[in-house]
Amino acid sequence: MGSLDDPSTARSFVTNLNCCHHVRPATAVKPEHQHVYCLTYRHVTCRIYQHDHEITLPSRQKQQGQQVQIALPVLLLCMIFILAAVILTSVTW
């Protein structure tokens, strides 16, 4: 369990940013699966974790809409910067 681009950066709470690195490609895992397996001592009983070779994460355990959920905070941050620029520009006039 780790970030999509950094397997060593793990979060100890359920989030769509947690990705399983026992599958290829690394994929976000459904919150329910994280809560029951990934973030508990039960991770060793996870069928995916038990595989000796790389597999594809079954669709029932994938977090759907992963790219949209990751892009949303970036979009929000960009909008905040644009709004701040507009406010600063209007104040300096």
PDB file of N, CA and C in Angstrom:
ATOM      1  N   MET A   1       0.854  -1.168   0.000  1.00  0.00           N
ATOM      2  CA  MET A   1       0.000   0.000   0.000  1.00  0.00           C
ATOM      3  C   MET A   1       0.894   1.222   0.000  1.00  0.00           C
ATOM      4  N   GLY A   2       0.634   2.127  -0.917  1.00  0.00           N
ATOM      5  CA  GLY A   2       1.390   3.362  -0.997  1.00  0.00           C
ATOM      6  C   GLY A   2       0.768   4.294  -2.009  1.00  0.00           C
ATOM      7  N   SER A   3       1.429   5.405  -2.266  1.00  0.00           N
ATOM      8  CA  SER A   3       0.956   6.348  -3.281  1.00  0.00           C
ATOM      9  C   SER A   3       1.145   5.739  -4.665  1.00  0.00           C
ATOM     10  N   LEU A   4       0.397   6.232  -5.620  1.00  0.00           N
ATOM     11  CA  LEU A   4       0.482   5.715  -6.980  1.00  0.00           C
ATOM     12  C   LEU A   4       1.901   5.788  -7.513  1.00  0.00           C
ATOM     13  N   ASP A   5       2.568   6.919  -7.303  1.00  0.00           N
ATOM     14  CA  ASP A   5       3.908   7.102  -7.847  1.00  0.00           C
ATOM     15  C   ASP A   5       5.027   6.839  -6.841  1.00  0.00           C
ATOM     16  N   ASP A   6       4.668   6.502  -5.592  1.00  0.00           N
ATOM     17  CA  ASP A   6       5.684   6.256  -4.572  1.00  0.00           C
ATOM     18  C   ASP A   6       5.208   5.165  -3.612  1.00  0.00           C
ATOM     19  N   PRO A   7       5.612   3.923  -3.860  1.00  0.00           N
ATOM     20  CA  PRO A   7       5.156   2.827  -3.022  1.00  0.00           C
ATOM     21  C   PRO A   7       5.575   2.942  -1.563  1.00  0.00           C
ATOM     22  N   SER A   8       6.586   3.731  -1.272  1.00  0.00           N
ATOM     23  CA  SER A   8       7.042   3.848   0.121  1.00  0.00           C
ATOM     24  C   SER A   8       6.257   4.892   0.913  1.00  0.00           C
ATOM     25  N   THR A   9       5.416   5.684   0.239  1.00  0.00           N
ATOM     26  CA  THR A   9       4.599   6.673   0.930  1.00  0.00           C
ATOM     27  C   THR A   9       3.215   6.095   1.158  1.00  0.00           C
ATOM     28  N   ALA A  10       2.987   5.630   2.372  1.00  0.00           N
ATOM     29  CA  ALA A  10       1.704   5.016   2.712  1.00  0.00           C
ATOM     30  C   ALA A  10       0.923   5.924   3.650  1.00  0.00           C
ATOM     31  N   ARG A  11      -0.373   5.841   3.555  1.00  0.00           N
ATOM     32  CA  ARG A  11      -1.253   6.569   4.472  1.00  0.00           C
ATOM     33  C   ARG A  11      -1.898   5.547   5.389  1.00  0.00           C
ATOM     34  N   SER A  12      -2.038   5.877   6.639  1.00  0.00           N
ATOM     35  CA  SER A  12      -2.576   4.922   7.611  1.00  0.00           C
ATOM     36  C   SER A  12      -4.089   5.044   7.757  1.00  0.00           C
ATOM     37  N   PHE A  13      -4.720   5.710   6.804  1.00  0.00           N
ATOM     38  CA  PHE A  13      -6.173   5.878   6.819  1.00  0.00           C
ATOM     39  C   PHE A  13      -6.724   5.584   5.439  1.00  0.00           C
ATOM     40  N   VAL A  14      -8.009   5.316   5.358  1.00  0.00           N
ATOM     41  CA  VAL A  14      -8.656   4.999   4.092  1.00  0.00           C
ATOM     42  C   VAL A  14      -8.720   6.250   3.230  1.00  0.00           C
ATOM     43  N   THR A  15      -8.194   6.161   2.023  1.00  0.00           N
ATOM     44  CA  THR A  15      -8.232   7.258   1.062  1.00  0.00           C
ATOM     45  C   THR A  15      -8.085   6.691  -0.339  1.00  0.00           C
ATOM     46  N   ASN A  16      -8.619   7.411  -1.325  1.00  0.00           N
ATOM     47  CA  ASN A  16      -8.480   6.948  -2.710  1.00  0.00           C
ATOM     48  C   ASN A  16      -7.053   7.130  -3.223  1.00  0.00           C
ATOM     49  N   LEU A  17      -6.183   7.711  -2.422  1.00  0.00           N
ATOM     50  CA  LEU A  17      -4.781   7.874  -2.810  1.00  0.00           C
ATOM     51  C   LEU A  17      -3.950   6.645  -2.446  1.00  0.00           C
ATOM     52  N   ASN A  18      -4.505   5.728  -1.654  1.00  0.00           N
ATOM     53  CA  ASN A  18      -3.813   4.480  -1.325  1.00  0.00           C
ATOM     54  C   ASN A  18      -3.925   3.527  -2.508  1.00  0.00           C
ATOM     55  N   CYS A  19      -2.782   3.065  -2.975  1.00  0.00           N
ATOM     56  CA  CYS A  19      -2.755   2.145  -4.114  1.00  0.00           C
ATOM     57  C   CYS A  19      -2.069   0.846  -3.731  1.00  0.00           C
ATOM     58  N   CYS A  20      -2.545  -0.233  -4.296  1.00  0.00           N
ATOM     59  CA  CYS A  20      -1.955  -1.548  -4.078  1.00  0.00           C
ATOM     60  C   CYS A  20      -0.789  -1.716  -5.041  1.00  0.00           C
ATOM     61  N   HIS A  21       0.374  -2.054  -4.504  1.00  0.00           N
ATOM     62  CA  HIS A  21       1.564  -2.265  -5.338  1.00  0.00           C
ATOM     63  C   HIS A  21       1.887  -3.746  -5.496  1.00  0.00           C
ATOM     64  N   HIS A  22       0.947  -4.620  -5.097  1.00  0.00           N
ATOM     65  CA  HIS A  22       1.098  -6.049  -5.354  1.00  0.00           C
ATOM     66  C   HIS A  22       0.455  -6.408  -6.686  1.00  0.00           C
ATOM     67  N   VAL A  23      -0.070  -5.399  -7.375  1.00  0.00           N
ATOM     68  CA  VAL A  23      -0.674  -5.597  -8.695  1.00  0.00           C
ATOM     69  C   VAL A  23       0.018  -4.674  -9.688  1.00  0.00           C
ATOM     70  N   ARG A  24      -0.092  -5.008 -10.957  1.00  0.00           N
ATOM     71  CA  ARG A  24       0.446  -4.154 -12.012  1.00  0.00           C
ATOM     72  C   ARG A  24      -0.650  -3.866 -13.003  1.00  0.00           C
ATOM     73  N   PRO A  25      -0.904  -2.618 -13.314  1.00  0.00           N
ATOM     74  CA  PRO A  25      -0.273  -1.442 -12.713  1.00  0.00           C
ATOM     75  C   PRO A  25      -0.806  -1.212 -11.302  1.00  0.00           C
ATOM     76  N   ALA A  26      -0.047  -0.457 -10.514  1.00  0.00           N
ATOM     77  CA  ALA A  26      -0.500  -0.097  -9.169  1.00  0.00           C
ATOM     78  C   ALA A  26      -1.853   0.590  -9.304  1.00  0.00           C
ATOM     79  N   THR A  27      -2.788   0.213  -8.437  1.00  0.00           N
ATOM     80  CA  THR A  27      -4.171   0.655  -8.590  1.00  0.00           C
ATOM     81  C   THR A  27      -4.772   1.034  -7.242  1.00  0.00           C
ATOM     82  N   ALA A  28      -5.608   2.071  -7.247  1.00  0.00           N
ATOM     83  CA  ALA A  28      -6.326   2.471  -6.033  1.00  0.00           C
ATOM     84  C   ALA A  28      -7.308   1.369  -5.640  1.00  0.00           C
ATOM     85  N   VAL A  29      -7.446   1.159  -4.350  1.00  0.00           N
ATOM     86  CA  VAL A  29      -8.270   0.077  -3.817  1.00  0.00           C
ATOM     87  C   VAL A  29      -9.525   0.669  -3.173  1.00  0.00           C
ATOM     88  N   LYS A  30     -10.649  -0.040  -3.322  1.00  0.00           N
ATOM     89  CA  LYS A  30     -11.899   0.410  -2.724  1.00  0.00           C
ATOM     90  C   LYS A  30     -11.728   0.632  -1.226  1.00  0.00           C
ATOM     91  N   PRO A  31     -12.398   1.659  -0.695  1.00  0.00           N
ATOM     92  CA  PRO A  31     -12.299   1.946   0.739  1.00  0.00           C
ATOM     93  C   PRO A  31     -12.658   0.753   1.623  1.00  0.00           C
ATOM     94  N   GLU A  32     -13.672  -0.013   1.230  1.00  0.00           N
ATOM     95  CA  GLU A  32     -14.089  -1.160   2.034  1.00  0.00           C
ATOM     96  C   GLU A  32     -12.967  -2.184   2.165  1.00  0.00           C
ATOM     97  N   HIS A  33     -12.264  -2.430   1.059  1.00  0.00           N
ATOM     98  CA  HIS A  33     -11.170  -3.405   1.066  1.00  0.00           C
ATOM     99  C   HIS A  33      -9.998  -2.885   1.904  1.00  0.00           C
ATOM    100  N   GLN A  34      -9.705  -1.597   1.785  1.00  0.00           N
ATOM    101  CA  GLN A  34      -8.641  -1.008   2.599  1.00  0.00           C
ATOM    102  C   GLN A  34      -8.960  -1.158   4.079  1.00  0.00           C
ATOM    103  N   HIS A  35     -10.211  -0.875   4.435  1.00  0.00           N
ATOM    104  CA  HIS A  35     -10.629  -0.909   5.841  1.00  0.00           C
ATOM    105  C   HIS A  35     -10.522  -2.321   6.427  1.00  0.00           C
ATOM    106  N   VAL A  36     -10.907  -3.328   5.642  1.00  0.00           N
ATOM    107  CA  VAL A  36     -10.924  -4.698   6.143  1.00  0.00           C
ATOM    108  C   VAL A  36      -9.543  -5.348   6.065  1.00  0.00           C
ATOM    109  N   TYR A  37      -8.788  -5.090   4.989  1.00  0.00           N
ATOM    110  CA  TYR A  37      -7.526  -5.802   4.772  1.00  0.00           C
ATOM    111  C   TYR A  37      -6.296  -4.899   4.813  1.00  0.00           C
ATOM    112  N   CYS A  38      -6.207  -4.000   3.872  1.00  0.00           N
ATOM    113  CA  CYS A  38      -4.952  -3.275   3.618  1.00  0.00           C
ATOM    114  C   CYS A  38      -4.383  -2.551   4.833  1.00  0.00           C
ATOM    115  N   LEU A  39      -5.235  -1.964   5.624  1.00  0.00           N
ATOM    116  CA  LEU A  39      -4.776  -1.126   6.728  1.00  0.00           C
ATOM    117  C   LEU A  39      -4.874  -1.822   8.085  1.00  0.00           C
ATOM    118  N   THR A  40      -4.956  -3.141   8.058  1.00  0.00           N
ATOM    119  CA  THR A  40      -5.071  -3.901   9.301  1.00  0.00           C
ATOM    120  C   THR A  40      -4.081  -5.058   9.296  1.00  0.00           C
ATOM    121  N   TYR A  41      -4.026  -5.741  10.407  1.00  0.00           N
ATOM    122  CA  TYR A  41      -3.180  -6.930  10.496  1.00  0.00           C
ATOM    123  C   TYR A  41      -3.663  -8.028   9.554  1.00  0.00           C
ATOM    124  N   ARG A  42      -4.899  -7.929   9.070  1.00  0.00           N
ATOM    125  CA  ARG A  42      -5.472  -8.938   8.165  1.00  0.00           C
ATOM    126  C   ARG A  42      -4.935  -8.836   6.742  1.00  0.00           C
ATOM    127  N   HIS A  43      -4.053  -7.870   6.469  1.00  0.00           N
ATOM    128  CA  HIS A  43      -3.527  -7.726   5.110  1.00  0.00           C
ATOM    129  C   HIS A  43      -2.856  -9.016   4.634  1.00  0.00           C
ATOM    130  N   VAL A  44      -2.324  -9.810   5.549  1.00  0.00           N
ATOM    131  CA  VAL A  44      -1.664 -11.055   5.149  1.00  0.00           C
ATOM    132  C   VAL A  44      -2.660 -12.110   4.672  1.00  0.00           C
ATOM    133  N   THR A  45      -3.957 -11.905   4.949  1.00  0.00           N
ATOM    134  CA  THR A  45      -4.978 -12.833   4.469  1.00  0.00           C
ATOM    135  C   THR A  45      -5.599 -12.384   3.150  1.00  0.00           C
ATOM    136  N   CYS A  46      -5.189 -11.251   2.646  1.00  0.00           N
ATOM    137  CA  CYS A  46      -5.701 -10.737   1.360  1.00  0.00           C
ATOM    138  C   CYS A  46      -5.211 -11.646   0.229  1.00  0.00           C
ATOM    139  N   ARG A  47      -6.116 -12.083  -0.621  1.00  0.00           N
ATOM    140  CA  ARG A  47      -5.749 -12.976  -1.729  1.00  0.00           C
ATOM    141  C   ARG A  47      -4.746 -12.332  -2.676  1.00  0.00           C
ATOM    142  N   ILE A  48      -4.847 -11.037  -2.846  1.00  0.00           N
ATOM    143  CA  ILE A  48      -3.918 -10.331  -3.739  1.00  0.00           C
ATOM    144  C   ILE A  48      -2.538 -10.277  -3.109  1.00  0.00           C
ATOM    145  N   TYR A  49      -2.478  -9.967  -1.848  1.00  0.00           N
ATOM    146  CA  TYR A  49      -1.207  -9.907  -1.116  1.00  0.00           C
ATOM    147  C   TYR A  49      -0.507 -11.268  -1.108  1.00  0.00           C
ATOM    148  N   GLN A  50      -1.273 -12.346  -1.100  1.00  0.00           N
ATOM    149  CA  GLN A  50      -0.717 -13.688  -1.027  1.00  0.00           C
ATOM    150  C   GLN A  50      -0.131 -14.188  -2.339  1.00  0.00           C
ATOM    151  N   HIS A  51      -0.408 -13.532  -3.463  1.00  0.00           N
ATOM    152  CA  HIS A  51       0.120 -13.975  -4.763  1.00  0.00           C
ATOM    153  C   HIS A  51       1.632 -13.808  -4.829  1.00  0.00           C
ATOM    154  N   ASP A  52       2.299 -14.792  -5.400  1.00  0.00           N
ATOM    155  CA  ASP A  52       3.752 -14.740  -5.569  1.00  0.00           C
ATOM    156  C   ASP A  52       4.166 -13.937  -6.796  1.00  0.00           C
ATOM    157  N   HIS A  53       3.267 -13.787  -7.752  1.00  0.00           N
ATOM    158  CA  HIS A  53       3.574 -13.070  -8.979  1.00  0.00           C
ATOM    159  C   HIS A  53       2.618 -11.894  -9.152  1.00  0.00           C
ATOM    160  N   GLU A  54       2.975 -10.981 -10.047  1.00  0.00           N
ATOM    161  CA  GLU A  54       2.146  -9.793 -10.275  1.00  0.00           C
ATOM    162  C   GLU A  54       0.842 -10.182 -10.953  1.00  0.00           C
ATOM    163  N   ILE A  55      -0.238  -9.569 -10.499  1.00  0.00           N
ATOM    164  CA  ILE A  55      -1.551  -9.810 -11.076  1.00  0.00           C
ATOM    165  C   ILE A  55      -2.227  -8.475 -11.330  1.00  0.00           C
ATOM    166  N   THR A  56      -3.373  -8.530 -11.983  1.00  0.00           N
ATOM    167  CA  THR A  56      -4.199  -7.341 -12.166  1.00  0.00           C
ATOM    168  C   THR A  56      -5.232  -7.319 -11.046  1.00  0.00           C
ATOM    169  N   LEU A  57      -5.460  -6.150 -10.479  1.00  0.00           N
ATOM    170  CA  LEU A  57      -6.421  -6.025  -9.394  1.00  0.00           C
ATOM    171  C   LEU A  57      -7.823  -6.328  -9.920  1.00  0.00           C
ATOM    172  N   PRO A  58      -8.532  -7.268  -9.294  1.00  0.00           N
ATOM    173  CA  PRO A  58      -9.902  -7.563  -9.743  1.00  0.00           C
ATOM    174  C   PRO A  58     -10.776  -6.316  -9.658  1.00  0.00           C
ATOM    175  N   SER A  59     -11.677  -6.155 -10.617  1.00  0.00           N
ATOM    176  CA  SER A  59     -12.498  -4.937 -10.691  1.00  0.00           C
ATOM    177  C   SER A  59     -13.338  -4.735  -9.439  1.00  0.00           C
ATOM    178  N   ARG A  60     -13.705  -5.809  -8.748  1.00  0.00           N
ATOM    179  CA  ARG A  60     -14.530  -5.655  -7.536  1.00  0.00           C
ATOM    180  C   ARG A  60     -13.757  -4.987  -6.410  1.00  0.00           C
ATOM    181  N   GLN A  61     -12.429  -4.900  -6.518  1.00  0.00           N
ATOM    182  CA  GLN A  61     -11.628  -4.289  -5.469  1.00  0.00           C
ATOM    183  C   GLN A  61     -11.004  -2.966  -5.905  1.00  0.00           C
ATOM    184  N   LYS A  62     -11.182  -2.608  -7.184  1.00  0.00           N
ATOM    185  CA  LYS A  62     -10.640  -1.337  -7.676  1.00  0.00           C
ATOM    186  C   LYS A  62     -11.499  -0.176  -7.229  1.00  0.00           C
ATOM    187  N   GLN A  63     -10.847   0.917  -6.930  1.00  0.00           N
ATOM    188  CA  GLN A  63     -11.548   2.171  -6.662  1.00  0.00           C
ATOM    189  C   GLN A  63     -11.931   2.759  -8.006  1.00  0.00           C
ATOM    190  N   GLN A  64     -13.209   2.893  -8.273  1.00  0.00           N
ATOM    191  CA  GLN A  64     -13.674   3.435  -9.545  1.00  0.00           C
ATOM    192  C   GLN A  64     -13.498   4.942  -9.574  1.00  0.00           C
ATOM    193  N   GLY A  65     -13.201   5.489 -10.751  1.00  0.00           N
ATOM    194  CA  GLY A  65     -13.070   6.928 -10.899  1.00  0.00           C
ATOM    195  C   GLY A  65     -11.833   7.477 -10.221  1.00  0.00           C
ATOM    196  N   GLN A  66     -10.801   6.677 -10.116  1.00  0.00           N
ATOM    197  CA  GLN A  66      -9.586   7.065  -9.404  1.00  0.00           C
ATOM    198  C   GLN A  66      -8.961   8.324  -9.985  1.00  0.00           C
ATOM    199  N   GLN A  67      -8.859   8.442 -11.295  1.00  0.00           N
ATOM    200  CA  GLN A  67      -8.207   9.594 -11.892  1.00  0.00           C
ATOM    201  C   GLN A  67      -8.987  10.880 -11.640  1.00  0.00           C
ATOM    202  N   VAL A  68     -10.306  10.825 -11.684  1.00  0.00           N
ATOM    203  CA  VAL A  68     -11.122  12.004 -11.435  1.00  0.00           C
ATOM    204  C   VAL A  68     -10.962  12.456  -9.995  1.00  0.00           C
ATOM    205  N   GLN A  69     -10.943  11.516  -9.052  1.00  0.00           N
ATOM    206  CA  GLN A  69     -10.843  11.867  -7.646  1.00  0.00           C
ATOM    207  C   GLN A  69      -9.482  12.451  -7.311  1.00  0.00           C
ATOM    208  N   ILE A  70      -8.438  12.019  -7.989  1.00  0.00           N
ATOM    209  CA  ILE A  70      -7.109  12.566  -7.759  1.00  0.00           C
ATOM    210  C   ILE A  70      -6.999  13.946  -8.409  1.00  0.00           C
ATOM    211  N   ALA A  71      -7.636  14.137  -9.557  1.00  0.00           N
ATOM    212  CA  ALA A  71      -7.544  15.398 -10.284  1.00  0.00           C
ATOM    213  C   ALA A  71      -8.360  16.505  -9.619  1.00  0.00           C
ATOM    214  N   LEU A  72      -9.398  16.162  -8.881  1.00  0.00           N
ATOM    215  CA  LEU A  72     -10.255  17.159  -8.262  1.00  0.00           C
ATOM    216  C   LEU A  72      -9.496  18.087  -7.320  1.00  0.00           C
ATOM    217  N   PRO A  73      -8.662  17.603  -6.408  1.00  0.00           N
ATOM    218  CA  PRO A  73      -7.905  18.530  -5.549  1.00  0.00           C
ATOM    219  C   PRO A  73      -6.969  19.438  -6.341  1.00  0.00           C
ATOM    220  N   VAL A  74      -6.402  18.935  -7.412  1.00  0.00           N
ATOM    221  CA  VAL A  74      -5.520  19.751  -8.247  1.00  0.00           C
ATOM    222  C   VAL A  74      -6.322  20.864  -8.907  1.00  0.00           C
ATOM    223  N   LEU A  75      -7.493  20.540  -9.417  1.00  0.00           N
ATOM    224  CA  LEU A  75      -8.363  21.540 -10.041  1.00  0.00           C
ATOM    225  C   LEU A  75      -8.771  22.601  -9.030  1.00  0.00           C
ATOM    226  N   LEU A  76      -9.134  22.182  -7.835  1.00  0.00           N
ATOM    227  CA  LEU A  76      -9.518  23.110  -6.780  1.00  0.00           C
ATOM    228  C   LEU A  76      -8.363  24.041  -6.421  1.00  0.00           C
ATOM    229  N   LEU A  77      -7.167  23.506  -6.318  1.00  0.00           N
ATOM    230  CA  LEU A  77      -5.991  24.309  -6.000  1.00  0.00           C
ATOM    231  C   LEU A  77      -5.722  25.344  -7.097  1.00  0.00           C
ATOM    232  N   CYS A  78      -5.855  24.955  -8.344  1.00  0.00           N
ATOM    233  CA  CYS A  78      -5.670  25.895  -9.463  1.00  0.00           C
ATOM    234  C   CYS A  78      -6.697  27.019  -9.407  1.00  0.00           C
ATOM    235  N   MET A  79      -7.932  26.667  -9.098  1.00  0.00           N
ATOM    236  CA  MET A  79      -8.978  27.691  -9.021  1.00  0.00           C
ATOM    237  C   MET A  79      -8.695  28.677  -7.889  1.00  0.00           C
ATOM    238  N   ILE A  80      -8.168  28.192  -6.783  1.00  0.00           N
ATOM    239  CA  ILE A  80      -7.819  29.072  -5.653  1.00  0.00           C
ATOM    240  C   ILE A  80      -6.723  30.044  -6.065  1.00  0.00           C
ATOM    241  N   PHE A  81      -5.706  29.551  -6.784  1.00  0.00           N
ATOM    242  CA  PHE A  81      -4.626  30.426  -7.239  1.00  0.00           C
ATOM    243  C   PHE A  81      -5.133  31.482  -8.217  1.00  0.00           C
ATOM    244  N   ILE A  82      -6.020  31.103  -9.116  1.00  0.00           N
ATOM    245  CA  ILE A  82      -6.576  32.057 -10.080  1.00  0.00           C
ATOM    246  C   ILE A  82      -7.401  33.120  -9.350  1.00  0.00           C
ATOM    247  N   LEU A  83      -8.227  32.682  -8.414  1.00  0.00           N
ATOM    248  CA  LEU A  83      -9.031  33.617  -7.633  1.00  0.00           C
ATOM    249  C   LEU A  83      -8.141  34.569  -6.843  1.00  0.00           C
ATOM    250  N   ALA A  84      -7.088  34.062  -6.241  1.00  0.00           N
ATOM    251  CA  ALA A  84      -6.153  34.900  -5.490  1.00  0.00           C
ATOM    252  C   ALA A  84      -5.481  35.914  -6.414  1.00  0.00           C
ATOM    253  N   ALA A  85      -5.114  35.497  -7.619  1.00  0.00           N
ATOM    254  CA  ALA A  85      -4.484  36.410  -8.574  1.00  0.00           C
ATOM    255  C   ALA A  85      -5.450  37.521  -8.968  1.00  0.00           C
ATOM    256  N   VAL A  86      -6.702  37.175  -9.205  1.00  0.00           N
ATOM    257  CA  VAL A  86      -7.715  38.184  -9.573  1.00  0.00           C
ATOM    258  C   VAL A  86      -7.909  39.174  -8.435  1.00  0.00           C
ATOM    259  N   ILE A  87      -8.003  38.678  -7.214  1.00  0.00           N
ATOM    260  CA  ILE A  87      -8.198  39.560  -6.060  1.00  0.00           C
ATOM    261  C   ILE A  87      -6.986  40.464  -5.872  1.00  0.00           C
ATOM    262  N   LEU A  88      -5.790  39.916  -5.966  1.00  0.00           N
ATOM    263  CA  LEU A  88      -4.571  40.727  -5.804  1.00  0.00           C
ATOM    264  C   LEU A  88      -4.446  41.783  -6.906  1.00  0.00           C
ATOM    265  N   THR A  89      -4.827  41.430  -8.114  1.00  0.00           N
ATOM    266  CA  THR A  89      -4.773  42.367  -9.219  1.00  0.00           C
ATOM    267  C   THR A  89      -5.754  43.518  -9.005  1.00  0.00           C
ATOM    268  N   SER A  90      -6.962  43.196  -8.535  1.00  0.00           N
ATOM    269  CA  SER A  90      -7.969  44.240  -8.337  1.00  0.00           C
ATOM    270  C   SER A  90      -7.611  45.144  -7.143  1.00  0.00           C
ATOM    271  N   VAL A  91      -6.927  44.625  -6.163  1.00  0.00           N
ATOM    272  CA  VAL A  91      -6.536  45.410  -4.996  1.00  0.00           C
ATOM    273  C   VAL A  91      -5.415  46.385  -5.347  1.00  0.00           C
ATOM    274  N   THR A  92      -4.515  45.974  -6.205  1.00  0.00           N
ATOM    275  CA  THR A  92      -3.369  46.829  -6.546  1.00  0.00           C
ATOM    276  C   THR A  92      -3.747  47.940  -7.528  1.00  0.00           C
ATOM    277  N   TRP A  93      -4.896  47.861  -8.160  1.00  0.00           N
ATOM    278  CA  TRP A  93      -5.309  48.923  -9.087  1.00  0.00           C
ATOM    279  C   TRP A  93      -5.850  50.029  -8.277  1.00  0.00           C
TER     280      TRP A  93
END
